[in-house]
C-alpha atoms as a PDB file:
ATOM      1  CA  UNK A   1     -72.514  65.530 111.621  1.00  0.00           C
ATOM      2  CA  UNK A   2     -70.492  64.512 114.690  1.00  0.00           C
ATOM      3  CA  UNK A   3     -66.843  64.921 115.561  1.00  0.00           C
ATOM      4  CA  UNK A   4     -64.212  63.377 113.332  1.00  0.00           C
ATOM      5  CA  UNK A   5     -62.272  60.446 114.828  1.00  0.00           C
ATOM      6  CA  UNK A   6     -58.952  59.430 113.334  1.00  0.00           C
ATOM      7  CA  UNK A   7     -57.025  56.173 113.640  1.00  0.00           C
ATOM      8  CA  UNK A   8     -53.664  55.100 112.272  1.00  0.00           C
ATOM      9  CA  UNK A   9     -53.417  51.681 110.656  1.00  0.00           C
ATOM     10  CA  UNK A  10     -50.246  49.948 109.543  1.00  0.00           C
ATOM     11  CA  UNK A  11     -49.776  47.078 107.120  1.00  0.00           C
ATOM     12  CA  UNK A  12     -47.335  45.724 104.567  1.00  0.00           C
ATOM     13  CA  UNK A  13     -47.153  46.007 100.793  1.00  0.00           C
ATOM     14  CA  UNK A  14     -44.590  45.291  98.090  1.00  0.00           C
ATOM     15  CA  UNK A  15     -43.390  46.888  94.868  1.00  0.00           C
ATOM     16  CA  UNK A  16     -43.796  44.886  91.650  1.00  0.00           C
ATOM     17  CA  UNK A  17     -42.387  47.469  89.219  1.00  0.00           C
ATOM     18  CA  UNK A  18     -43.522  50.708  87.620  1.00  0.00           C
ATOM     19  CA  UNK A  19     -44.684  52.152  90.937  1.00  0.00           C
ATOM     20  CA  UNK A  20     -47.338  49.449  91.422  1.00  0.00           C
ATOM     21  CA  UNK A  21     -47.806  48.222  94.991  1.00  0.00           C
ATOM     22  CA  UNK A  22     -49.606  45.010  95.970  1.00  0.00           C
ATOM     23  CA  UNK A  23     -51.207  44.663  99.408  1.00  0.00           C
ATOM     24  CA  UNK A  24     -54.508  43.639 101.040  1.00  0.00           C
ATOM     25  CA  UNK A  25     -57.853  45.326 100.542  1.00  0.00           C
ATOM     26  CA  UNK A  26     -58.203  45.626 104.314  1.00  0.00           C
ATOM     27  CA  UNK A  27     -54.856  47.476 104.501  1.00  0.00           C
ATOM     28  CA  UNK A  28     -56.144  50.176 102.134  1.00  0.00           C
ATOM     29  CA  UNK A  29     -59.658  50.075 103.645  1.00  0.00           C
ATOM     30  CA  UNK A  30     -59.019  49.024 107.270  1.00  0.00           C
ATOM     31  CA  UNK A  31     -62.573  49.709 108.383  1.00  0.00           C
ATOM     32  CA  UNK A  32     -63.688  46.575 106.502  1.00  0.00           C
ATOM     33  CA  UNK A  33     -61.894  44.319 109.026  1.00  0.00           C
ATOM     34  CA  UNK A  34     -61.251  46.300 112.224  1.00  0.00           C
ATOM     35  CA  UNK A  35     -63.988  45.457 114.756  1.00  0.00           C
ATOM     36  CA  UNK A  36     -63.635  48.709 116.755  1.00  0.00           C
ATOM     37  CA  UNK A  37     -64.149  50.855 113.668  1.00  0.00           C
ATOM     38  CA  UNK A  38     -66.934  48.648 112.297  1.00  0.00           C
ATOM     39  CA  UNK A  39     -68.830  48.914 115.573  1.00  0.00           C
ATOM     40  CA  UNK A  40     -68.342  52.682 115.680  1.00  0.00           C
ATOM     41  CA  UNK A  41     -69.678  53.065 112.147  1.00  0.00           C
ATOM     42  CA  UNK A  42     -72.698  50.923 113.023  1.00  0.00           C
ATOM     43  CA  UNK A  43     -73.463  52.539 116.389  1.00  0.00           C
ATOM     44  CA  UNK A  44     -73.108  56.146 115.234  1.00  0.00           C
ATOM     45  CA  UNK A  45     -74.171  55.790 111.611  1.00  0.00           C
ATOM     46  CA  UNK A  46     -70.708  56.957 110.602  1.00  0.00           C
ATOM     47  CA  UNK A  47     -68.765  56.855 107.373  1.00  0.00           C
ATOM     48  CA  UNK A  48     -65.132  55.892 106.916  1.00  0.00           C
ATOM     49  CA  UNK A  49     -62.554  57.216 104.481  1.00  0.00           C
ATOM     50  CA  UNK A  50     -58.801  57.366 104.131  1.00  0.00           C
ATOM     51  CA  UNK A  51     -57.423  60.810 104.991  1.00  0.00           C
ATOM     52  CA  UNK A  52     -53.794  60.016 104.146  1.00  0.00           C
ATOM     53  CA  UNK A  53     -52.135  56.953 102.691  1.00  0.00           C
ATOM     54  CA  UNK A  54     -48.348  56.711 102.479  1.00  0.00           C
ATOM     55  CA  UNK A  55     -45.717  54.002 102.222  1.00  0.00           C
ATOM     56  CA  UNK A  56     -42.088  53.718 103.281  1.00  0.00           C
ATOM     57  CA  UNK A  57     -39.323  51.669 101.696  1.00  0.00           C
ATOM     58  CA  UNK A  58     -36.357  50.341 103.711  1.00  0.00           C
ATOM     59  CA  UNK A  59     -33.401  52.687 103.435  1.00  0.00           C
ATOM     60  CA  UNK A  60     -35.421  55.653 102.143  1.00  0.00           C
ATOM     61  CA  UNK A  61     -36.318  58.400 104.635  1.00  0.00           C
ATOM     62  CA  UNK A  62     -39.221  59.995 102.785  1.00  0.00           C
ATOM     63  CA  UNK A  63     -42.799  58.672 102.596  1.00  0.00           C
ATOM     64  CA  UNK A  64     -44.419  58.117  99.202  1.00  0.00           C
ATOM     65  CA  UNK A  65     -48.119  59.010  98.735  1.00  0.00           C
ATOM     66  CA  UNK A  66     -50.065  55.948  97.616  1.00  0.00           C
ATOM     67  CA  UNK A  67     -53.109  56.041  95.345  1.00  0.00           C
ATOM     68  CA  UNK A  68     -55.674  53.229  95.450  1.00  0.00           C
ATOM     69  CA  UNK A  69     -56.110  51.719  91.988  1.00  0.00           C
ATOM     70  CA  UNK A  70     -57.901  48.361  92.272  1.00  0.00           C
ATOM     71  CA  UNK A  71     -59.619  46.487  95.109  1.00  0.00           C
ATOM     72  CA  UNK A  72     -60.443  42.794  95.050  1.00  0.00           C
ATOM     73  CA  UNK A  73     -64.190  42.192  95.147  1.00  0.00           C
ATOM     74  CA  UNK A  74     -63.961  38.779  96.804  1.00  0.00           C
ATOM     75  CA  UNK A  75     -60.336  38.147  97.679  1.00  0.00           C
ATOM     76  CA  UNK A  76     -58.510  40.308 100.219  1.00  0.00           C
ATOM     77  CA  UNK A  77     -56.033  41.821  97.770  1.00  0.00           C
ATOM     78  CA  UNK A  78     -55.550  45.305  96.359  1.00  0.00           C
ATOM     79  CA  UNK A  79     -53.311  47.375  94.092  1.00  0.00           C
ATOM     80  CA  UNK A  80     -52.069  50.917  94.637  1.00  0.00           C
ATOM     81  CA  UNK A  81     -49.582  53.111  92.820  1.00  0.00           C
ATOM     82  CA  UNK A  82     -46.957  55.681  93.644  1.00  0.00           C
ATOM     83  CA  UNK A  83     -45.920  58.365  91.156  1.00  0.00           C
ATOM     84  CA  UNK A  84     -43.400  56.679  88.787  1.00  0.00           C
ATOM     85  CA  UNK A  85     -41.488  59.966  88.568  1.00  0.00           C
ATOM     86  CA  UNK A  86     -40.689  59.754  92.296  1.00  0.00           C
ATOM     87  CA  UNK A  87     -39.410  56.160  92.302  1.00  0.00           C
ATOM     88  CA  UNK A  88     -35.833  56.113  93.659  1.00  0.00           C
ATOM     89  CA  UNK A  89     -33.229  54.830  91.253  1.00  0.00           C
ATOM     90  CA  UNK A  90     -32.429  51.217  91.951  1.00  0.00           C
ATOM     91  CA  UNK A  91     -35.636  50.512  93.875  1.00  0.00           C
ATOM     92  CA  UNK A  92     -36.127  46.752  93.493  1.00  0.00           C
ATOM     93  CA  UNK A  93     -39.332  45.098  92.361  1.00  0.00           C
ATOM     94  CA  UNK A  94     -40.399  41.612  93.367  1.00  0.00           C
ATOM     95  CA  UNK A  95     -40.913  38.935  90.688  1.00  0.00           C
ATOM     96  CA  UNK A  96     -44.337  37.270  90.613  1.00  0.00           C
ATOM     97  CA  UNK A  97     -44.825  33.552  90.061  1.00  0.00           C
ATOM     98  CA  UNK A  98     -47.112  32.738  87.127  1.00  0.00           C
ATOM     99  CA  UNK A  99     -46.909  28.946  87.453  1.00  0.00           C
ATOM    100  CA  UNK A 100     -49.855  27.939  89.646  1.00  0.00           C
ATOM    101  CA  UNK A 101     -48.424  24.428  90.116  1.00  0.00           C
ATOM    102  CA  UNK A 102     -45.413  25.696  92.089  1.00  0.00           C
ATOM    103  CA  UNK A 103     -47.261  25.904  95.422  1.00  0.00           C
ATOM    104  CA  UNK A 104     -47.685  22.439  96.942  1.00  0.00           C
ATOM    105  CA  UNK A 105     -48.081  21.185 100.505  1.00  0.00           C
ATOM    106  CA  UNK A 106     -44.750  20.759 102.267  1.00  0.00           C
ATOM    107  CA  UNK A 107     -42.851  23.249 100.103  1.00  0.00           C
ATOM    108  CA  UNK A 108     -40.736  25.856 101.894  1.00  0.00           C
ATOM    109  CA  UNK A 109     -42.011  29.436 101.928  1.00  0.00           C
ATOM    110  CA  UNK A 110     -40.589  32.722 103.191  1.00  0.00           C
ATOM    111  CA  UNK A 111     -42.515  35.836 104.149  1.00  0.00           C
ATOM    112  CA  UNK A 112     -41.166  39.362 104.605  1.00  0.00           C
ATOM    113  CA  UNK A 113     -43.115  42.169 106.223  1.00  0.00           C
ATOM    114  CA  UNK A 114     -43.803  44.391 109.228  1.00  0.00           C
ATOM    115  CA  UNK A 115     -45.669  42.355 111.859  1.00  0.00           C
ATOM    116  CA  UNK A 116     -46.456  44.351 115.015  1.00  0.00           C
ATOM    117  CA  UNK A 117     -45.618  47.572 113.145  1.00  0.00           C
ATOM    118  CA  UNK A 118     -43.381  50.095 114.965  1.00  0.00           C
ATOM    119  CA  UNK A 119     -43.422  48.040 118.186  1.00  0.00           C
ATOM    120  CA  UNK A 120     -41.205  45.392 116.608  1.00  0.00           C
ATOM    121  CA  UNK A 121     -38.965  48.038 115.048  1.00  0.00           C
ATOM    122  CA  UNK A 122     -38.468  49.655 118.456  1.00  0.00           C
ATOM    123  CA  UNK A 123     -37.708  46.257 119.977  1.00  0.00           C
ATOM    124  CA  UNK A 124     -34.641  46.084 117.738  1.00  0.00           C
ATOM    125  CA  UNK A 125     -32.946  49.037 119.480  1.00  0.00           C
ATOM    126  CA  UNK A 126     -31.679  49.112 123.067  1.00  0.00           C
ATOM    127  CA  UNK A 127     -34.116  49.883 125.875  1.00  0.00           C
ATOM    128  CA  UNK A 128     -32.870  53.390 126.651  1.00  0.00           C
ATOM    129  CA  UNK A 129     -33.078  54.488 123.022  1.00  0.00           C
ATOM    130  CA  UNK A 130     -36.534  52.934 122.673  1.00  0.00           C
ATOM    131  CA  UNK A 131     -37.764  54.802 125.765  1.00  0.00           C
ATOM    132  CA  UNK A 132     -36.336  58.072 124.428  1.00  0.00           C
ATOM    133  CA  UNK A 133     -37.983  57.581 121.020  1.00  0.00           C
ATOM    134  CA  UNK A 134     -41.325  56.699 122.619  1.00  0.00           C
ATOM    135  CA  UNK A 135     -41.150  59.737 124.902  1.00  0.00           C
ATOM    136  CA  UNK A 136     -40.634  62.024 121.906  1.00  0.00           C
ATOM    137  CA  UNK A 137     -42.971  60.457 119.343  1.00  0.00           C
ATOM    138  CA  UNK A 138     -45.128  57.910 121.155  1.00  0.00           C
ATOM    139  CA  UNK A 139     -48.272  60.044 120.983  1.00  0.00           C
ATOM    140  CA  UNK A 140     -48.285  59.949 117.178  1.00  0.00           C
ATOM    141  CA  UNK A 141     -47.636  56.813 115.196  1.00  0.00           C
ATOM    142  CA  UNK A 142     -47.229  58.981 112.106  1.00  0.00           C
ATOM    143  CA  UNK A 143     -44.408  60.981 113.717  1.00  0.00           C
ATOM    144  CA  UNK A 144     -42.924  57.802 115.172  1.00  0.00           C
ATOM    145  CA  UNK A 145     -42.744  56.075 111.796  1.00  0.00           C
ATOM    146  CA  UNK A 146     -41.368  59.224 110.176  1.00  0.00           C
ATOM    147  CA  UNK A 147     -38.577  59.243 112.752  1.00  0.00           C
ATOM    148  CA  UNK A 148     -37.861  55.540 112.251  1.00  0.00           C
ATOM    149  CA  UNK A 149     -37.659  56.127 108.493  1.00  0.00           C
ATOM    150  CA  UNK A 150     -35.299  59.078 108.913  1.00  0.00           C
ATOM    151  CA  UNK A 151     -33.134  56.916 111.186  1.00  0.00           C
ATOM    152  CA  UNK A 152     -33.213  54.055 108.631  1.00  0.00           C
ATOM    153  CA  UNK A 153     -34.705  51.734 111.226  1.00  0.00           C
ATOM    154  CA  UNK A 154     -37.520  50.493 108.996  1.00  0.00           C
ATOM    155  CA  UNK A 155     -36.364  46.943 108.308  1.00  0.00           C
ATOM    156  CA  UNK A 156     -38.708  44.069 107.389  1.00  0.00           C
ATOM    157  CA  UNK A 157     -38.858  40.827 109.334  1.00  0.00           C
ATOM    158  CA  UNK A 158     -38.147  37.675 107.327  1.00  0.00           C
ATOM    159  CA  UNK A 159     -39.455  34.299 108.505  1.00  0.00           C
ATOM    160  CA  UNK A 160     -39.492  30.835 106.999  1.00  0.00           C
ATOM    161  CA  UNK A 161     -42.022  28.036 107.119  1.00  0.00           C
ATOM    162  CA  UNK A 162     -43.819  25.524 104.954  1.00  0.00           C
ATOM    163  CA  UNK A 163     -47.136  25.223 103.155  1.00  0.00           C
ATOM    164  CA  UNK A 164     -49.500  23.201 105.358  1.00  0.00           C
ATOM    165  CA  UNK A 165     -52.644  23.291 103.196  1.00  0.00           C
ATOM    166  CA  UNK A 166     -53.986  25.017 100.093  1.00  0.00           C
ATOM    167  CA  UNK A 167     -56.785  25.290  97.584  1.00  0.00           C
ATOM    168  CA  UNK A 168     -57.533  27.575  94.638  1.00  0.00           C
ATOM    169  CA  UNK A 169     -58.219  30.569  96.913  1.00  0.00           C
ATOM    170  CA  UNK A 170     -55.912  30.024  99.902  1.00  0.00           C
ATOM    171  CA  UNK A 171     -52.332  29.133 100.696  1.00  0.00           C
ATOM    172  CA  UNK A 172     -52.038  28.061 104.342  1.00  0.00           C
ATOM    173  CA  UNK A 173     -48.560  28.181 105.884  1.00  0.00           C
ATOM    174  CA  UNK A 174     -46.713  28.287 109.212  1.00  0.00           C
ATOM    175  CA  UNK A 175     -44.179  31.073 108.585  1.00  0.00           C
ATOM    176  CA  UNK A 176     -44.481  33.296 111.655  1.00  0.00           C
ATOM    177  CA  UNK A 177     -46.152  36.663 111.256  1.00  0.00           C
ATOM    178  CA  UNK A 178     -48.497  38.951 113.211  1.00  0.00           C
ATOM    179  CA  UNK A 179     -50.859  41.905 112.874  1.00  0.00           C
ATOM    180  CA  UNK A 180     -49.136  44.447 110.635  1.00  0.00           C
ATOM    181  CA  UNK A 181     -47.839  41.685 108.386  1.00  0.00           C
ATOM    182  CA  UNK A 182     -51.010  41.756 106.314  1.00  0.00           C
ATOM    183  CA  UNK A 183     -50.187  42.393 102.670  1.00  0.00           C
ATOM    184  CA  UNK A 184     -46.712  40.863 102.932  1.00  0.00           C
ATOM    185  CA  UNK A 185     -45.325  38.819 100.039  1.00  0.00           C
ATOM    186  CA  UNK A 186     -45.095  35.045 100.445  1.00  0.00           C
ATOM    187  CA  UNK A 187     -42.140  33.690  98.476  1.00  0.00           C
ATOM    188  CA  UNK A 188     -41.932  30.189  97.047  1.00  0.00           C
ATOM    189  CA  UNK A 189     -38.797  28.132  96.541  1.00  0.00           C
ATOM    190  CA  UNK A 190     -38.187  29.797  93.171  1.00  0.00           C
ATOM    191  CA  UNK A 191     -37.692  33.144  94.953  1.00  0.00           C
ATOM    192  CA  UNK A 192     -40.820  34.537  93.313  1.00  0.00           C
ATOM    193  CA  UNK A 193     -43.950  35.732  95.104  1.00  0.00           C
ATOM    194  CA  UNK A 194     -46.615  33.023  95.233  1.00  0.00           C
ATOM    195  CA  UNK A 195     -49.073  34.720  97.589  1.00  0.00           C
ATOM    196  CA  UNK A 196     -50.135  37.793  99.570  1.00  0.00           C
ATOM    197  CA  UNK A 197     -50.577  37.281 103.330  1.00  0.00           C
ATOM    198  CA  UNK A 198     -53.966  38.299 104.655  1.00  0.00           C
ATOM    199  CA  UNK A 199     -54.868  36.179 107.675  1.00  0.00           C
ATOM    200  CA  UNK A 200     -52.942  35.782 110.926  1.00  0.00           C
ATOM    201  CA  UNK A 201     -54.018  33.289 113.571  1.00  0.00           C
ATOM    202  CA  UNK A 202     -52.206  33.718 116.877  1.00  0.00           C
ATOM    203  CA  UNK A 203     -53.606  30.511 118.383  1.00  0.00           C
ATOM    204  CA  UNK A 204     -52.543  28.323 115.478  1.00  0.00           C
ATOM    205  CA  UNK A 205     -49.343  29.439 113.763  1.00  0.00           C
ATOM    206  CA  UNK A 206     -49.747  26.666 111.179  1.00  0.00           C
ATOM    207  CA  UNK A 207     -52.835  28.369 109.795  1.00  0.00           C
ATOM    208  CA  UNK A 208     -51.576  31.716 108.510  1.00  0.00           C
ATOM    209  CA  UNK A 209     -53.168  32.419 105.149  1.00  0.00           C
ATOM    210  CA  UNK A 210     -52.214  34.028 101.860  1.00  0.00           C
ATOM    211  CA  UNK A 211     -54.161  34.832  98.713  1.00  0.00           C
ATOM    212  CA  UNK A 212     -52.563  33.149  95.660  1.00  0.00           C
ATOM    213  CA  UNK A 213     -50.670  35.741  93.625  1.00  0.00           C
ATOM    214  CA  UNK A 214     -52.790  34.979  90.542  1.00  0.00           C
ATOM    215  CA  UNK A 215     -55.560  37.120  92.054  1.00  0.00           C
ATOM    216  CA  UNK A 216     -53.120  40.020  92.430  1.00  0.00           C
ATOM    217  CA  UNK A 217     -51.985  39.552  88.824  1.00  0.00           C
ATOM    218  CA  UNK A 218     -55.578  39.954  87.644  1.00  0.00           C
ATOM    219  CA  UNK A 219     -55.919  43.255  89.531  1.00  0.00           C
ATOM    220  CA  UNK A 220     -52.528  44.464  88.292  1.00  0.00           C
ATOM    221  CA  UNK A 221     -53.537  43.898  84.685  1.00  0.00           C
ATOM    222  CA  UNK A 222     -56.777  45.835  85.262  1.00  0.00           C
ATOM    223  CA  UNK A 223     -54.704  48.689  86.708  1.00  0.00           C
ATOM    224  CA  UNK A 224     -52.438  48.788  83.631  1.00  0.00           C
ATOM    225  CA  UNK A 225     -49.343  47.079  85.056  1.00  0.00           C
ATOM    226  CA  UNK A 226     -47.014  45.283  82.672  1.00  0.00           C
ATOM    227  CA  UNK A 227     -44.699  42.439  83.582  1.00  0.00           C
ATOM    228  CA  UNK A 228     -40.932  42.799  83.015  1.00  0.00           C
ATOM    229  CA  UNK A 229     -41.281  40.491  80.010  1.00  0.00           C
ATOM    230  CA  UNK A 230     -43.979  42.708  78.507  1.00  0.00           C
ATOM    231  CA  UNK A 231     -41.906  45.812  79.200  1.00  0.00           C
ATOM    232  CA  UNK A 232     -38.903  44.253  77.464  1.00  0.00           C
ATOM    233  CA  UNK A 233     -41.056  43.267  74.493  1.00  0.00           C
ATOM    234  CA  UNK A 234     -42.372  46.844  74.230  1.00  0.00           C
ATOM    235  CA  UNK A 235     -38.807  48.201  74.297  1.00  0.00           C
ATOM    236  CA  UNK A 236     -37.750  45.836  71.527  1.00  0.00           C
ATOM    237  CA  UNK A 237     -40.741  46.808  69.398  1.00  0.00           C
ATOM    238  CA  UNK A 238     -40.014  50.493  69.937  1.00  0.00           C
ATOM    239  CA  UNK A 239     -36.367  49.950  69.010  1.00  0.00           C
ATOM    240  CA  UNK A 240     -37.404  48.065  65.862  1.00  0.00           C
ATOM    241  CA  UNK A 241     -39.820  50.834  64.900  1.00  0.00           C
ATOM    242  CA  UNK A 242     -37.186  53.511  65.524  1.00  0.00           C
ATOM    243  CA  UNK A 243     -34.659  51.599  63.410  1.00  0.00           C
ATOM    244  CA  UNK A 244     -37.197  51.207  60.593  1.00  0.00           C
ATOM    245  CA  UNK A 245     -37.933  54.926  60.667  1.00  0.00           C
ATOM    246  CA  UNK A 246     -34.189  55.687  60.534  1.00  0.00           C
ATOM    247  CA  UNK A 247     -33.712  53.372  57.567  1.00  0.00           C
ATOM    248  CA  UNK A 248     -36.672  54.941  55.811  1.00  0.00           C
ATOM    249  CA  UNK A 249     -35.264  58.430  56.310  1.00  0.00           C
ATOM    250  CA  UNK A 250     -31.870  57.334  54.985  1.00  0.00           C
ATOM    251  CA  UNK A 251     -33.478  55.812  51.897  1.00  0.00           C
ATOM    252  CA  UNK A 252     -35.312  59.047  51.126  1.00  0.00           C
ATOM    253  CA  UNK A 253     -32.083  61.023  51.292  1.00  0.00           C
END
């Protein structure tokens, strides 16, 4: 019954084909992790909801509305979708690793995301331009990110490290990242995604954490996603069926 309070939250996600986006649960439901919002909900008996959820791809000026499809119940992973009809031609999708034995301690990993959000993006331009942009859009992160997208300044940060520890539910690594990098893909040496970053520890850079991609694969299947191999198999079956129908029609003539 009180006044509405709005906050902007920024995270990272990645496209795996067909308009399906993988990220963290706490990126799509930030009130589950943000202490300020959690305390506000507790102190004022408030309720939280997403008022607007959009994503931006590098090189594309327009935002894409994102729909929440599946949320991990235990692991900090989630799946959303954008309208397949709006997917730009040539938009890449990241391959997912299905071999759980690939991730081992000492192996090289690479992560790619948006740590520190628009602050890092602004740090990549000269000081005068950054001051001008902040003066015009600094009061609204939404407007600021829209401007950065229009200017094609949304570029992910890529860092490299190594796996320092792991178990069935965690991949621990030392590739540098920061707040805003949650939901970023963690690539293994095969070039495929082996994990989804969810935990950033500023005091110990060797203890950044990712959820193994197998948990994301489970959610993707629940949401109706099909792997490239499954899509190719479906196309072949459709082509075979179409050819059989053509042959049948010719025989009847």
